[in-house]
């Protein structure tokens, strides 16, 4: 997801670690078998329960927001879907 033409600074490592963790907890979407997803509520819980990240509630919410803003996930209803690269 890193775009070399993007003028914004890269995401902090802990947010990228959050993304990796959430991807390992994602599953096939109910609507689209080929799309990996996780509910927003479950994602929040996964981040809070992680022994490796040690995040507080505000940190978990910030990580999810930043991942959505940068296109790592897109949201449909209350479901975070993993964005799949075209490459």
N, C-alpha and C. Protein backbone atom coordinates (compact mmCIF):
# COMPACT_ATOMS: atom_id res chain seq x y z
N UNK A 1 0.81 -1.19 0.00
CA UNK A 1 0.00 0.00 0.00
C UNK A 1 0.86 1.26 0.00
N UNK A 2 2.14 1.12 0.19
CA UNK A 2 2.99 2.31 0.16
C UNK A 2 3.13 2.80 -1.27
N UNK A 3 2.73 4.04 -1.49
CA UNK A 3 2.79 4.67 -2.79
C UNK A 3 3.93 5.68 -2.77
N UNK A 4 4.94 5.45 -3.60
CA UNK A 4 6.11 6.32 -3.60
C UNK A 4 5.78 7.74 -4.05
N UNK A 5 4.65 7.94 -4.72
CA UNK A 5 4.26 9.28 -5.15
C UNK A 5 3.42 10.00 -4.10
N UNK A 6 3.08 9.33 -3.03
CA UNK A 6 2.27 9.92 -1.96
C UNK A 6 3.14 10.86 -1.13
N UNK A 7 2.78 12.16 -1.07
CA UNK A 7 3.60 13.12 -0.33
C UNK A 7 3.47 13.00 1.19
N UNK A 8 2.48 12.25 1.66
CA UNK A 8 2.29 12.11 3.11
C UNK A 8 3.37 11.22 3.70
N UNK A 9 3.74 11.46 4.95
CA UNK A 9 4.73 10.58 5.58
C UNK A 9 4.15 9.17 5.74
N UNK A 10 5.01 8.17 5.77
CA UNK A 10 4.51 6.80 5.93
C UNK A 10 3.83 6.62 7.29
N UNK A 11 2.97 5.63 7.35
CA UNK A 11 2.31 5.32 8.61
C UNK A 11 3.34 4.81 9.62
N UNK A 12 3.12 5.10 10.90
CA UNK A 12 4.02 4.58 11.93
C UNK A 12 4.00 3.05 11.95
N UNK A 13 5.09 2.48 12.39
CA UNK A 13 5.24 1.02 12.40
C UNK A 13 4.13 0.35 13.23
N UNK A 14 3.72 0.96 14.33
CA UNK A 14 2.70 0.33 15.18
C UNK A 14 1.35 0.26 14.47
N UNK A 15 1.08 1.20 13.58
CA UNK A 15 -0.18 1.14 12.82
C UNK A 15 -0.08 0.05 11.75
N UNK A 16 1.07 -0.08 11.12
CA UNK A 16 1.27 -1.17 10.15
C UNK A 16 1.21 -2.52 10.85
N UNK A 17 1.73 -2.61 12.07
CA UNK A 17 1.63 -3.84 12.85
C UNK A 17 0.16 -4.14 13.18
N UNK A 18 -0.61 -3.09 13.44
CA UNK A 18 -2.05 -3.25 13.69
C UNK A 18 -2.73 -3.82 12.46
N UNK A 19 -2.37 -3.31 11.29
CA UNK A 19 -2.93 -3.81 10.03
C UNK A 19 -2.61 -5.30 9.85
N UNK A 20 -1.36 -5.67 10.06
CA UNK A 20 -0.97 -7.08 9.93
C UNK A 20 -1.77 -7.96 10.87
N UNK A 21 -1.93 -7.52 12.10
CA UNK A 21 -2.69 -8.28 13.09
C UNK A 21 -4.15 -8.42 12.66
N UNK A 22 -4.75 -7.34 12.21
CA UNK A 22 -6.15 -7.40 11.78
C UNK A 22 -6.33 -8.29 10.56
N UNK A 23 -5.37 -8.29 9.66
CA UNK A 23 -5.45 -9.16 8.49
C UNK A 23 -5.43 -10.63 8.89
N UNK A 24 -4.67 -10.96 9.93
CA UNK A 24 -4.62 -12.36 10.37
C UNK A 24 -5.93 -12.79 11.02
N UNK A 25 -6.75 -11.83 11.46
CA UNK A 25 -8.03 -12.13 12.07
C UNK A 25 -9.21 -11.93 11.12
N UNK A 26 -8.93 -11.56 9.88
CA UNK A 26 -10.01 -11.35 8.92
C UNK A 26 -10.45 -12.69 8.33
N UNK A 27 -11.61 -12.69 7.73
CA UNK A 27 -12.18 -13.90 7.14
C UNK A 27 -12.92 -13.50 5.86
N UNK A 28 -13.39 -14.48 5.13
CA UNK A 28 -14.14 -14.18 3.91
C UNK A 28 -15.43 -13.45 4.27
N UNK A 29 -15.72 -12.40 3.53
CA UNK A 29 -16.91 -11.60 3.76
C UNK A 29 -18.16 -12.44 3.51
N UNK A 30 -19.22 -12.13 4.26
CA UNK A 30 -20.49 -12.83 4.05
C UNK A 30 -21.04 -12.59 2.65
N UNK A 31 -20.85 -11.38 2.14
CA UNK A 31 -21.40 -11.01 0.84
C UNK A 31 -20.49 -11.40 -0.32
N UNK A 32 -19.19 -11.37 -0.09
CA UNK A 32 -18.22 -11.61 -1.16
C UNK A 32 -17.16 -12.59 -0.67
N UNK A 33 -17.22 -13.80 -1.19
CA UNK A 33 -16.34 -14.87 -0.72
C UNK A 33 -14.86 -14.55 -0.89
N UNK A 34 -14.50 -13.80 -1.92
CA UNK A 34 -13.09 -13.52 -2.21
C UNK A 34 -12.56 -12.28 -1.49
N UNK A 35 -13.40 -11.64 -0.67
CA UNK A 35 -13.00 -10.42 0.04
C UNK A 35 -12.81 -10.73 1.52
N UNK A 36 -11.62 -10.42 2.05
CA UNK A 36 -11.35 -10.62 3.47
C UNK A 36 -11.91 -9.44 4.26
N UNK A 37 -12.54 -9.71 5.40
CA UNK A 37 -13.13 -8.64 6.19
C UNK A 37 -13.11 -8.98 7.67
N UNK A 38 -13.34 -7.95 8.47
CA UNK A 38 -13.46 -8.09 9.92
C UNK A 38 -14.43 -7.01 10.38
N UNK A 39 -15.29 -7.33 11.32
CA UNK A 39 -16.21 -6.29 11.80
C UNK A 39 -15.41 -5.23 12.55
N UNK A 40 -15.90 -4.02 12.52
CA UNK A 40 -15.19 -2.93 13.20
C UNK A 40 -15.08 -3.22 14.69
N UNK A 41 -16.15 -3.74 15.27
CA UNK A 41 -16.15 -4.07 16.70
C UNK A 41 -15.12 -5.15 17.02
N UNK A 42 -15.06 -6.18 16.19
CA UNK A 42 -14.08 -7.25 16.41
C UNK A 42 -12.66 -6.73 16.23
N UNK A 43 -12.45 -5.89 15.22
CA UNK A 43 -11.13 -5.30 14.98
C UNK A 43 -10.67 -4.51 16.20
N UNK A 44 -11.57 -3.72 16.75
CA UNK A 44 -11.26 -2.93 17.93
C UNK A 44 -10.85 -3.84 19.09
N UNK A 45 -11.61 -4.92 19.28
CA UNK A 45 -11.30 -5.87 20.35
C UNK A 45 -9.97 -6.58 20.14
N UNK A 46 -9.69 -6.97 18.91
CA UNK A 46 -8.42 -7.64 18.59
C UNK A 46 -7.25 -6.73 18.93
N UNK A 47 -7.35 -5.47 18.56
CA UNK A 47 -6.26 -4.53 18.85
C UNK A 47 -6.08 -4.31 20.35
N UNK A 48 -7.18 -4.22 21.08
CA UNK A 48 -7.08 -4.01 22.53
C UNK A 48 -6.54 -5.23 23.26
N UNK A 49 -6.84 -6.41 22.76
CA UNK A 49 -6.42 -7.65 23.43
C UNK A 49 -5.01 -8.09 23.05
N UNK A 50 -4.40 -7.44 22.09
CA UNK A 50 -3.07 -7.84 21.63
C UNK A 50 -2.02 -7.61 22.71
N UNK A 51 -1.26 -8.66 23.01
CA UNK A 51 -0.15 -8.54 23.97
C UNK A 51 1.06 -7.89 23.33
N UNK A 52 1.14 -7.91 22.02
CA UNK A 52 2.30 -7.34 21.33
C UNK A 52 2.18 -5.83 21.14
N UNK A 53 0.97 -5.34 20.91
CA UNK A 53 0.79 -3.92 20.61
C UNK A 53 0.55 -3.06 21.85
N UNK A 54 -0.13 -3.61 22.85
CA UNK A 54 -0.42 -2.89 24.09
C UNK A 54 -1.05 -1.52 23.84
N UNK A 55 -2.18 -1.53 23.13
CA UNK A 55 -2.86 -0.29 22.77
C UNK A 55 -3.97 0.05 23.76
N UNK A 56 -4.20 1.33 23.93
CA UNK A 56 -5.35 1.82 24.68
C UNK A 56 -6.49 2.05 23.68
N UNK A 57 -7.68 2.29 24.19
CA UNK A 57 -8.86 2.47 23.32
C UNK A 57 -8.65 3.54 22.25
N UNK A 58 -8.13 4.68 22.65
CA UNK A 58 -7.92 5.77 21.69
C UNK A 58 -6.90 5.38 20.62
N UNK A 59 -5.88 4.61 21.01
CA UNK A 59 -4.87 4.16 20.05
C UNK A 59 -5.49 3.21 19.02
N UNK A 60 -6.31 2.27 19.50
CA UNK A 60 -6.95 1.31 18.60
C UNK A 60 -7.87 2.02 17.61
N UNK A 61 -8.63 2.97 18.11
CA UNK A 61 -9.53 3.73 17.23
C UNK A 61 -8.74 4.55 16.22
N UNK A 62 -7.64 5.14 16.66
CA UNK A 62 -6.78 5.93 15.77
C UNK A 62 -6.19 5.04 14.68
N UNK A 63 -5.72 3.85 15.05
CA UNK A 63 -5.13 2.94 14.06
C UNK A 63 -6.15 2.56 13.00
N UNK A 64 -7.36 2.22 13.42
CA UNK A 64 -8.41 1.85 12.47
C UNK A 64 -8.73 3.02 11.55
N UNK A 65 -8.85 4.21 12.12
CA UNK A 65 -9.15 5.40 11.32
C UNK A 65 -8.06 5.67 10.29
N UNK A 66 -6.81 5.61 10.70
CA UNK A 66 -5.69 5.87 9.79
C UNK A 66 -5.63 4.81 8.69
N UNK A 67 -5.89 3.55 9.01
CA UNK A 67 -5.87 2.49 8.00
C UNK A 67 -7.00 2.69 6.99
N UNK A 68 -8.13 3.19 7.44
CA UNK A 68 -9.23 3.51 6.53
C UNK A 68 -8.86 4.71 5.65
N UNK A 69 -8.30 5.75 6.26
CA UNK A 69 -7.94 6.95 5.51
C UNK A 69 -6.90 6.67 4.44
N UNK A 70 -6.00 5.75 4.71
CA UNK A 70 -4.92 5.44 3.77
C UNK A 70 -5.30 4.34 2.77
N UNK A 71 -6.48 3.76 2.92
CA UNK A 71 -6.95 2.79 1.94
C UNK A 71 -6.53 1.35 2.20
N UNK A 72 -6.00 1.06 3.36
CA UNK A 72 -5.66 -0.32 3.69
C UNK A 72 -6.93 -1.14 3.87
N UNK A 73 -7.97 -0.49 4.40
CA UNK A 73 -9.30 -1.07 4.54
C UNK A 73 -10.29 -0.10 3.89
N UNK A 74 -11.45 -0.63 3.52
CA UNK A 74 -12.59 0.22 3.19
C UNK A 74 -13.76 -0.32 3.99
N UNK A 75 -14.70 0.55 4.31
CA UNK A 75 -15.77 0.18 5.22
C UNK A 75 -17.09 0.04 4.49
N UNK A 76 -17.78 -1.07 4.74
CA UNK A 76 -19.12 -1.31 4.22
C UNK A 76 -19.97 -1.66 5.44
N UNK A 77 -20.94 -0.80 5.72
CA UNK A 77 -21.74 -0.92 6.94
C UNK A 77 -20.78 -0.93 8.13
N UNK A 78 -20.74 -1.99 8.91
CA UNK A 78 -19.84 -2.06 10.07
C UNK A 78 -18.71 -3.05 9.82
N UNK A 79 -18.42 -3.29 8.56
CA UNK A 79 -17.42 -4.29 8.18
C UNK A 79 -16.21 -3.60 7.55
N UNK A 80 -15.03 -3.92 8.05
CA UNK A 80 -13.79 -3.42 7.45
C UNK A 80 -13.31 -4.47 6.46
N UNK A 81 -13.22 -4.09 5.21
CA UNK A 81 -12.77 -5.02 4.17
C UNK A 81 -11.35 -4.68 3.75
N UNK A 82 -10.55 -5.71 3.59
CA UNK A 82 -9.16 -5.54 3.19
C UNK A 82 -9.11 -5.12 1.73
N UNK A 83 -8.44 -4.02 1.46
CA UNK A 83 -8.27 -3.55 0.09
C UNK A 83 -7.23 -4.43 -0.60
N UNK A 84 -7.61 -4.95 -1.75
CA UNK A 84 -6.71 -5.82 -2.51
C UNK A 84 -6.08 -5.00 -3.63
N UNK A 85 -4.77 -5.05 -3.70
CA UNK A 85 -4.03 -4.32 -4.73
C UNK A 85 -4.32 -4.90 -6.10
N UNK A 86 -4.37 -4.04 -7.10
CA UNK A 86 -4.60 -4.48 -8.48
C UNK A 86 -3.36 -5.15 -9.08
N UNK A 87 -2.21 -4.94 -8.48
CA UNK A 87 -0.95 -5.48 -9.03
C UNK A 87 -0.84 -6.94 -8.81
